Amino acid sequence: MTNRRDKTLSDDDRILWNKVARSAVPLKGTAPLFPEPVSVEPEPPLVSSALFSEIAPPPLVRKEHKVARSLDRPTHTKLAKGRLDIDAKVDLHGLTQHEAHGLLLSFLHRAHASGLRHVLVVTGKGSTAKGDGVLRRVVPEWLATPAFRSVVGSHDNAARHHGGSGALYIRLRRLSGARS
């Protein structure tokens, strides 16, 4: 057996394979290994896109933003080990960039106004094998924009049990005049 680098069939092999596949007869009394897929209507999104129609995400321009500081190591360790509470969590799975931007912006502003300090944002790792999820890539860019910098002090990837590289710990800025 030869070890072929390319996994594509030649035209002759494809013709031969099609003949063999057409002549195959299913075994009696056995169910197919891969039954025909049943079409399922997708569930409606939890968040209406109409809520965010006036808030548009910033265009994806590849320019360097002033990046928010990385979370300091002691705080990251305490959050990861559960010695410091995560005050709130938002899951952006399955949302479009437009919906995710509006939801994240309003979530962080509400959390900041409530005096919360540490939140978890789950972006997901993406659906491709390379793990290059769009939200995973753009949320840190959003956090460096002025709309978010006013409330975000620092951020870093979460520990594996909190979502790993598909989630972020975010430390919110203190409210003006609030000391604890």
Protein backbone atom coordinates (compact mmCIF):
# COMPACT_ATOMS: atom_id res chain seq x y z
CA MET A 1 0.00 0.00 0.00
CA THR A 2 1.44 3.34 -0.97
CA ASN A 3 1.34 6.36 1.26
CA ARG A 4 -0.17 9.10 -0.88
CA ARG A 5 0.17 12.67 0.31
CA ASP A 6 -2.82 14.04 -1.54
CA LYS A 7 -6.14 12.54 -0.53
CA THR A 8 -7.92 13.25 -3.81
CA LEU A 9 -8.85 10.41 -6.12
CA SER A 10 -7.73 10.34 -9.71
CA ASP A 11 -10.45 10.34 -12.37
CA ASP A 12 -9.97 6.59 -12.99
CA ASP A 13 -10.19 5.81 -9.26
CA ARG A 14 -13.30 7.97 -8.88
CA ILE A 15 -15.06 6.18 -11.79
CA LEU A 16 -14.15 2.78 -10.32
CA TRP A 17 -15.31 3.83 -6.85
CA ASN A 18 -18.67 5.07 -8.16
CA LYS A 19 -19.25 1.71 -9.92
CA VAL A 20 -18.44 -0.21 -6.73
CA ALA A 21 -20.57 2.11 -4.57
CA ARG A 22 -23.60 1.72 -6.87
CA SER A 23 -23.33 -2.06 -6.80
CA ALA A 24 -23.21 -2.25 -2.99
CA VAL A 25 -26.22 -3.91 -1.36
CA PRO A 26 -27.07 -3.24 2.31
CA LEU A 27 -26.99 -6.20 4.69
CA LYS A 28 -30.39 -7.47 5.74
CA GLY A 29 -31.48 -6.85 9.31
CA THR A 30 -28.97 -4.10 10.06
CA ALA A 31 -29.67 -0.44 10.45
CA PRO A 32 -27.52 2.00 8.50
CA LEU A 33 -24.55 3.35 10.44
CA PHE A 34 -25.37 6.89 9.43
CA PRO A 35 -29.12 7.38 9.17
CA GLU A 36 -30.45 10.14 6.96
CA PRO A 37 -30.24 13.45 8.82
CA VAL A 38 -33.52 14.81 10.12
CA SER A 39 -34.04 18.46 9.35
CA VAL A 40 -34.49 20.44 12.54
CA GLU A 41 -35.53 24.06 12.55
CA PRO A 42 -32.91 26.18 14.30
CA GLU A 43 -34.04 27.74 17.54
CA PRO A 44 -34.62 31.48 17.39
CA PRO A 45 -31.76 33.48 18.92
CA LEU A 46 -32.10 34.37 22.58
CA VAL A 47 -31.35 37.99 21.79
CA SER A 48 -33.32 39.91 19.21
CA SER A 49 -31.12 41.65 16.67
CA ALA A 50 -33.59 44.56 16.74
CA LEU A 51 -32.30 45.44 20.22
CA PHE A 52 -28.90 46.24 18.78
CA SER A 53 -29.86 47.86 15.49
CA GLU A 54 -28.58 51.26 16.58
CA ILE A 55 -25.27 49.90 17.91
CA ALA A 56 -22.96 48.71 15.17
CA PRO A 57 -19.71 46.89 15.90
CA PRO A 58 -16.63 48.74 14.82
CA PRO A 59 -15.34 47.78 11.38
CA LEU A 60 -12.61 45.16 11.34
CA VAL A 61 -9.63 47.29 10.50
CA ARG A 62 -6.25 45.75 11.11
CA LYS A 63 -4.63 48.58 13.00
CA GLU A 64 -2.94 48.51 16.33
CA HIS A 65 -5.12 49.63 19.23
CA LYS A 66 -3.85 50.52 22.63
CA VAL A 67 -4.42 47.15 24.27
CA ALA A 68 -5.94 46.95 27.72
CA ARG A 69 -3.49 45.66 30.28
CA SER A 70 -3.27 41.95 30.89
CA LEU A 71 -4.77 40.75 34.16
CA ASP A 72 -2.15 40.58 36.92
CA ARG A 73 -0.98 37.07 37.84
CA PRO A 74 -2.27 36.93 41.46
CA THR A 75 -5.77 37.99 40.37
CA HIS A 76 -5.76 35.52 37.47
CA THR A 77 -4.69 32.70 39.82
CA LYS A 78 -7.36 33.58 42.41
CA LEU A 79 -10.09 33.66 39.75
CA ALA A 80 -8.90 30.38 38.25
CA LYS A 81 -8.79 28.61 41.62
CA GLY A 82 -12.11 30.03 42.81
CA ARG A 83 -10.65 32.10 45.65
CA LEU A 84 -11.99 35.24 43.98
CA ASP A 85 -15.59 35.20 42.80
CA ILE A 86 -16.63 35.81 39.22
CA ASP A 87 -19.42 38.34 39.73
CA ALA A 88 -21.22 37.78 36.41
CA LYS A 89 -20.96 35.81 33.18
CA VAL A 90 -22.11 36.37 29.60
CA ASP A 91 -22.09 33.74 26.85
CA LEU A 92 -21.73 35.03 23.29
CA HIS A 93 -21.95 31.59 21.62
CA GLY A 94 -23.99 31.57 18.44
CA LEU A 95 -24.35 35.33 18.15
CA THR A 96 -23.35 37.38 15.14
CA GLN A 97 -20.63 39.99 15.58
CA HIS A 98 -23.27 42.70 15.52
CA GLU A 99 -25.39 41.04 18.23
CA ALA A 100 -22.36 40.07 20.33
CA HIS A 101 -20.94 43.61 20.24
CA GLY A 102 -24.18 45.17 21.47
CA LEU A 103 -24.77 42.52 24.13
CA LEU A 104 -21.19 42.70 25.43
CA LEU A 105 -21.19 46.50 25.54
CA SER A 106 -24.47 46.69 27.46
CA PHE A 107 -23.48 43.79 29.76
CA LEU A 108 -20.16 45.40 30.71
CA HIS A 109 -21.71 48.84 31.26
CA ARG A 110 -24.49 47.36 33.46
CA ALA A 111 -21.96 45.28 35.42
CA HIS A 112 -19.74 48.33 35.91
CA ALA A 113 -22.69 50.49 37.02
CA SER A 114 -23.62 47.76 39.52
CA GLY A 115 -20.14 47.90 41.03
CA LEU A 116 -19.08 44.44 39.85
CA ARG A 117 -15.33 43.87 39.48
CA HIS A 118 -14.70 40.49 37.78
CA VAL A 119 -16.76 39.03 34.95
CA LEU A 120 -16.38 36.07 32.61
CA VAL A 121 -17.05 36.50 28.88
CA VAL A 122 -17.42 33.24 26.92
CA THR A 123 -16.67 33.76 23.23
CA GLY A 124 -16.27 30.13 22.21
CA LYS A 125 -13.31 28.74 20.32
CA GLY A 126 -14.89 28.73 16.89
CA SER A 127 -16.33 25.94 14.81
CA THR A 128 -13.36 25.22 12.59
CA ALA A 129 -10.61 22.71 13.28
CA LYS A 130 -8.09 25.55 13.47
CA GLY A 131 -10.07 27.14 16.30
CA ASP A 132 -10.04 30.60 14.76
CA GLY A 133 -13.43 31.74 15.99
CA VAL A 134 -14.42 35.21 14.89
CA LEU A 135 -15.64 36.35 18.32
CA ARG A 136 -12.60 34.83 20.00
CA ARG A 137 -10.44 36.99 17.75
CA VAL A 138 -12.39 40.28 17.76
CA VAL A 139 -13.58 40.59 21.38
CA PRO A 140 -10.06 41.50 22.66
CA GLU A 141 -9.88 44.08 19.84
CA TRP A 142 -13.23 45.52 20.95
CA LEU A 143 -12.02 45.73 24.55
CA ALA A 144 -9.25 48.07 23.38
CA THR A 145 -11.70 50.55 21.83
CA PRO A 146 -12.83 53.69 23.71
CA ALA A 147 -16.40 52.41 24.18
CA PHE A 148 -15.07 49.51 26.26
CA ARG A 149 -11.92 51.05 27.74
CA SER A 150 -14.03 53.33 29.91
CA VAL A 151 -15.21 50.30 31.93
CA VAL A 152 -12.57 47.58 31.29
CA GLY A 153 -9.42 47.71 33.37
CA SER A 154 -7.75 44.52 32.17
CA HIS A 155 -8.50 41.13 30.66
CA ASP A 156 -6.87 37.75 30.06
CA ASN A 157 -7.73 34.25 28.82
CA ALA A 158 -9.66 32.21 31.35
CA ALA A 159 -8.52 28.99 33.00
CA ARG A 160 -9.39 25.77 31.17
CA HIS A 161 -12.34 24.90 33.45
CA HIS A 162 -13.84 28.35 32.77
CA GLY A 163 -13.50 28.02 28.99
CA GLY A 164 -9.76 28.38 28.39
CA SER A 165 -8.86 30.32 25.27
CA GLY A 166 -12.58 30.49 24.40
CA ALA A 167 -13.32 32.72 27.40
CA LEU A 168 -11.93 35.86 29.01
CA TYR A 169 -11.64 37.08 32.59
CA ILE A 170 -12.35 40.80 32.61
CA ARG A 171 -11.57 43.11 35.52
CA LEU A 172 -13.83 46.14 35.44
CA ARG A 173 -12.68 49.56 36.55
CA ARG A 174 -13.82 50.82 39.92
CA LEU A 175 -16.69 53.28 39.98
CA SER A 176 -15.46 56.83 40.53
CA GLY A 177 -15.29 57.56 44.21
CA ALA A 178 -15.75 53.90 45.20
CA ARG A 179 -12.99 52.38 47.33
CA SER A 180 -12.99 48.91 48.82
